[in-house]
Amino acid sequence: QVQLVESGGGLVQAGGSLRLSCAASGGPFSSHAMAWFRQAPGKEREFVAAIGWNGGNTYYADSVKGRFTISRDNAKAMVYLQMSSLKPEDTAVYYCAKRRRPYRNVDYDREEEYDYWGQGTQVTVSS
């Protein structure tokens, strides 16, 4: 019954910013790492960012380092992705994901490590 619901996507010009949110419900949250993945049309889903179960560790794909920031609020069961200096190549559907195993601190960028996914939110960056 775990549900993840993303919001905050939209259309933005290159160089602009967006903040994505993911609301989790129906299961444990604070014991699991969370991540954002994205998928562009005709492309495979790729890792974007992850945050450890305790919020102490964050990981980013090289393509977004220095531009995106992942954070979480365990009291509210929320995960956020603050995106700045957006580029047209950031255009994709962004998905929130919950890690399968609790308290795990390795392989944050592997899609198979996550078992619950949101429906996705569209981010479109125009030139």
C-alpha atoms as a PDB file:
ATOM      1  CA  GLN A   1       0.000   0.000   0.000  1.00  0.00           C
ATOM      2  CA  VAL A   2       3.018   2.276  -0.248  1.00  0.00           C
ATOM      3  CA  GLN A   3       2.346   5.250  -2.469  1.00  0.00           C
ATOM      4  CA  LEU A   4       4.687   7.891  -3.819  1.00  0.00           C
ATOM      5  CA  VAL A   5       3.245  10.971  -5.478  1.00  0.00           C
ATOM      6  CA  GLU A   6       5.448  13.469  -7.302  1.00  0.00           C
ATOM      7  CA  SER A   7       4.526  17.062  -7.988  1.00  0.00           C
ATOM      8  CA  GLY A   8       6.138  20.327  -9.018  1.00  0.00           C
ATOM      9  CA  GLY A   9       7.018  19.612 -12.619  1.00  0.00           C
ATOM     10  CA  GLY A  10       6.290  22.016 -15.421  1.00  0.00           C
ATOM     11  CA  LEU A  11       7.700  24.108 -18.232  1.00  0.00           C
ATOM     12  CA  VAL A  12      10.693  26.307 -17.528  1.00  0.00           C
ATOM     13  CA  GLN A  13      13.234  28.173 -19.623  1.00  0.00           C
ATOM     14  CA  ALA A  14      16.868  27.142 -19.692  1.00  0.00           C
ATOM     15  CA  GLY A  15      18.691  28.536 -16.688  1.00  0.00           C
ATOM     16  CA  GLY A  16      15.565  28.504 -14.565  1.00  0.00           C
ATOM     17  CA  SER A  17      14.675  26.534 -11.461  1.00  0.00           C
ATOM     18  CA  LEU A  18      12.058  24.056 -10.307  1.00  0.00           C
ATOM     19  CA  ARG A  19      11.423  22.247  -7.046  1.00  0.00           C
ATOM     20  CA  LEU A  20       9.993  18.751  -7.214  1.00  0.00           C
ATOM     21  CA  SER A  21       8.228  17.142  -4.266  1.00  0.00           C
ATOM     22  CA  CYS A  22       7.475  13.523  -3.442  1.00  0.00           C
ATOM     23  CA  ALA A  23       4.884  12.616  -0.825  1.00  0.00           C
ATOM     24  CA  ALA A  24       5.182   9.130   0.652  1.00  0.00           C
ATOM     25  CA  SER A  25       2.452   7.236   2.462  1.00  0.00           C
ATOM     26  CA  GLY A  26       1.358   3.742   3.446  1.00  0.00           C
ATOM     27  CA  GLY A  27       4.616   2.360   4.819  1.00  0.00           C
ATOM     28  CA  PRO A  28       7.894   3.018   6.605  1.00  0.00           C
ATOM     29  CA  PHE A  29       9.796   6.001   5.314  1.00  0.00           C
ATOM     30  CA  SER A  30      12.578   7.169   7.602  1.00  0.00           C
ATOM     31  CA  SER A  31      14.353   3.785   7.463  1.00  0.00           C
ATOM     32  CA  HIS A  32      14.687   3.780   3.678  1.00  0.00           C
ATOM     33  CA  ALA A  33      16.857   5.680   1.267  1.00  0.00           C
ATOM     34  CA  MET A  34      14.996   7.645  -1.391  1.00  0.00           C
ATOM     35  CA  ALA A  35      15.969   8.629  -4.898  1.00  0.00           C
ATOM     36  CA  TRP A  36      14.999  10.516  -8.009  1.00  0.00           C
ATOM     37  CA  PHE A  37      15.308   8.984 -11.464  1.00  0.00           C
ATOM     38  CA  ARG A  38      14.323  10.445 -14.802  1.00  0.00           C
ATOM     39  CA  GLN A  39      13.402   9.177 -18.239  1.00  0.00           C
ATOM     40  CA  ALA A  40      13.366  11.115 -21.486  1.00  0.00           C
ATOM     41  CA  PRO A  41      11.335   9.932 -24.510  1.00  0.00           C
ATOM     42  CA  GLY A  42      13.129   7.085 -26.251  1.00  0.00           C
ATOM     43  CA  LYS A  43      15.734   6.870 -23.503  1.00  0.00           C
ATOM     44  CA  GLU A  44      16.323   4.505 -20.611  1.00  0.00           C
ATOM     45  CA  ARG A  45      15.543   5.604 -17.100  1.00  0.00           C
ATOM     46  CA  GLU A  46      18.611   7.101 -15.443  1.00  0.00           C
ATOM     47  CA  PHE A  47      19.677   7.895 -11.924  1.00  0.00           C
ATOM     48  CA  VAL A  48      19.542  11.519 -10.838  1.00  0.00           C
ATOM     49  CA  ALA A  49      20.008  11.762  -7.070  1.00  0.00           C
ATOM     50  CA  ALA A  50      19.620   9.785  -3.857  1.00  0.00           C
ATOM     51  CA  ILE A  51      19.559  10.503  -0.156  1.00  0.00           C
ATOM     52  CA  GLY A  52      20.339   8.081   2.657  1.00  0.00           C
ATOM     53  CA  TRP A  53      17.790   6.862   5.146  1.00  0.00           C
ATOM     54  CA  ASN A  54      19.161   9.149   7.830  1.00  0.00           C
ATOM     55  CA  GLY A  55      19.570  12.091   5.488  1.00  0.00           C
ATOM     56  CA  GLY A  56      23.296  12.209   6.141  1.00  0.00           C
ATOM     57  CA  ASN A  57      24.456  11.055   2.713  1.00  0.00           C
ATOM     58  CA  THR A  58      23.529  12.353  -0.707  1.00  0.00           C
ATOM     59  CA  TYR A  59      24.552  11.125  -4.144  1.00  0.00           C
ATOM     60  CA  TYR A  60      24.230  12.717  -7.558  1.00  0.00           C
ATOM     61  CA  ALA A  61      24.701  11.801 -11.168  1.00  0.00           C
ATOM     62  CA  ASP A  62      27.635  13.655 -12.699  1.00  0.00           C
ATOM     63  CA  SER A  63      25.279  15.426 -15.075  1.00  0.00           C
ATOM     64  CA  VAL A  64      23.459  17.220 -12.242  1.00  0.00           C
ATOM     65  CA  LYS A  65      26.172  17.755  -9.632  1.00  0.00           C
ATOM     66  CA  GLY A  66      26.298  21.344  -8.504  1.00  0.00           C
ATOM     67  CA  ARG A  67      22.870  22.096  -9.978  1.00  0.00           C
ATOM     68  CA  PHE A  68      20.435  19.756  -8.178  1.00  0.00           C
ATOM     69  CA  THR A  69      19.942  19.250  -4.457  1.00  0.00           C
ATOM     70  CA  ILE A  70      18.031  16.373  -2.884  1.00  0.00           C
ATOM     71  CA  SER A  71      16.603  16.657   0.614  1.00  0.00           C
ATOM     72  CA  ARG A  72      14.072  14.936   2.838  1.00  0.00           C
ATOM     73  CA  ASP A  73      11.797  15.699   5.751  1.00  0.00           C
ATOM     74  CA  ASN A  74      11.176  12.459   7.606  1.00  0.00           C
ATOM     75  CA  ALA A  75       8.624  14.026   9.933  1.00  0.00           C
ATOM     76  CA  LYS A  76       6.489  14.855   6.899  1.00  0.00           C
ATOM     77  CA  ALA A  77       7.504  11.805   4.823  1.00  0.00           C
ATOM     78  CA  MET A  78       8.568  14.111   1.997  1.00  0.00           C
ATOM     79  CA  VAL A  79      11.463  14.114  -0.455  1.00  0.00           C
ATOM     80  CA  TYR A  80      12.450  17.106  -2.533  1.00  0.00           C
ATOM     81  CA  LEU A  81      14.600  17.810  -5.552  1.00  0.00           C
ATOM     82  CA  GLN A  82      15.641  21.415  -5.993  1.00  0.00           C
ATOM     83  CA  MET A  83      16.774  21.948  -9.571  1.00  0.00           C
ATOM     84  CA  SER A  84      18.604  25.042 -10.740  1.00  0.00           C
ATOM     85  CA  SER A  85      20.480  26.106 -13.870  1.00  0.00           C
ATOM     86  CA  LEU A  86      18.217  23.810 -15.830  1.00  0.00           C
ATOM     87  CA  LYS A  87      19.238  22.709 -19.303  1.00  0.00           C
ATOM     88  CA  PRO A  88      17.158  21.381 -22.210  1.00  0.00           C
ATOM     89  CA  GLU A  89      18.792  17.986 -21.674  1.00  0.00           C
ATOM     90  CA  ASP A  90      17.145  17.874 -18.239  1.00  0.00           C
ATOM     91  CA  THR A  91      13.783  17.461 -19.966  1.00  0.00           C
ATOM     92  CA  ALA A  92      12.262  14.182 -18.796  1.00  0.00           C
ATOM     93  CA  VAL A  93       9.666  12.563 -16.600  1.00  0.00           C
ATOM     94  CA  TYR A  94      11.045  12.557 -13.072  1.00  0.00           C
ATOM     95  CA  TYR A  95      10.245   9.665 -10.754  1.00  0.00           C
ATOM     96  CA  CYS A  96      10.517   9.361  -7.000  1.00  0.00           C
ATOM     97  CA  ALA A  97      11.602   5.948  -5.699  1.00  0.00           C
ATOM     98  CA  LYS A  98      11.848   4.186  -2.352  1.00  0.00           C
ATOM     99  CA  ARG A  99      14.671   1.738  -1.692  1.00  0.00           C
ATOM    100  CA  ARG A 100      13.792  -1.923  -1.210  1.00  0.00           C
ATOM    101  CA  ARG A 101      16.083  -2.622   1.736  1.00  0.00           C
ATOM    102  CA  PRO A 102      16.134  -0.434   4.849  1.00  0.00           C
ATOM    103  CA  TYR A 103      19.351   1.003   6.260  1.00  0.00           C
ATOM    104  CA  ARG A 104      21.319   0.227   3.095  1.00  0.00           C
ATOM    105  CA  ASN A 105      24.188   2.553   2.223  1.00  0.00           C
ATOM    106  CA  VAL A 106      25.533   1.242  -1.088  1.00  0.00           C
ATOM    107  CA  ASP A 107      24.517   1.092  -4.758  1.00  0.00           C
ATOM    108  CA  TYR A 108      22.305   4.144  -4.570  1.00  0.00           C
ATOM    109  CA  ASP A 109      22.298   4.568  -8.350  1.00  0.00           C
ATOM    110  CA  ARG A 110      20.964   1.115  -9.233  1.00  0.00           C
ATOM    111  CA  GLU A 111      17.344   1.062 -10.373  1.00  0.00           C
ATOM    112  CA  GLU A 112      16.840  -2.503  -9.114  1.00  0.00           C
ATOM    113  CA  GLU A 113      17.545  -1.356  -5.555  1.00  0.00           C
ATOM    114  CA  TYR A 114      14.181   0.412  -5.444  1.00  0.00           C
ATOM    115  CA  ASP A 115      10.792  -1.271  -5.205  1.00  0.00           C
ATOM    116  CA  TYR A 116       8.251   1.547  -5.085  1.00  0.00           C
ATOM    117  CA  TRP A 117       7.876   4.251  -7.699  1.00  0.00           C
ATOM    118  CA  GLY A 118       5.706   7.278  -8.165  1.00  0.00           C
ATOM    119  CA  GLN A 119       3.758   8.029 -11.314  1.00  0.00           C
ATOM    120  CA  GLY A 120       6.236  10.670 -12.411  1.00  0.00           C
ATOM    121  CA  THR A 121       6.088  14.392 -13.043  1.00  0.00           C
ATOM    122  CA  GLN A 122       7.018  16.023 -16.340  1.00  0.00           C
ATOM    123  CA  VAL A 123       9.818  18.562 -16.473  1.00  0.00           C
ATOM    124  CA  THR A 124      10.292  20.418 -19.744  1.00  0.00           C
ATOM    125  CA  VAL A 125      13.153  22.860 -20.220  1.00  0.00           C
ATOM    126  CA  SER A 126      12.969  25.108 -23.263  1.00  0.00           C
ATOM    127  CA  SER A 127      15.917  26.733 -25.006  1.00  0.00           C
END
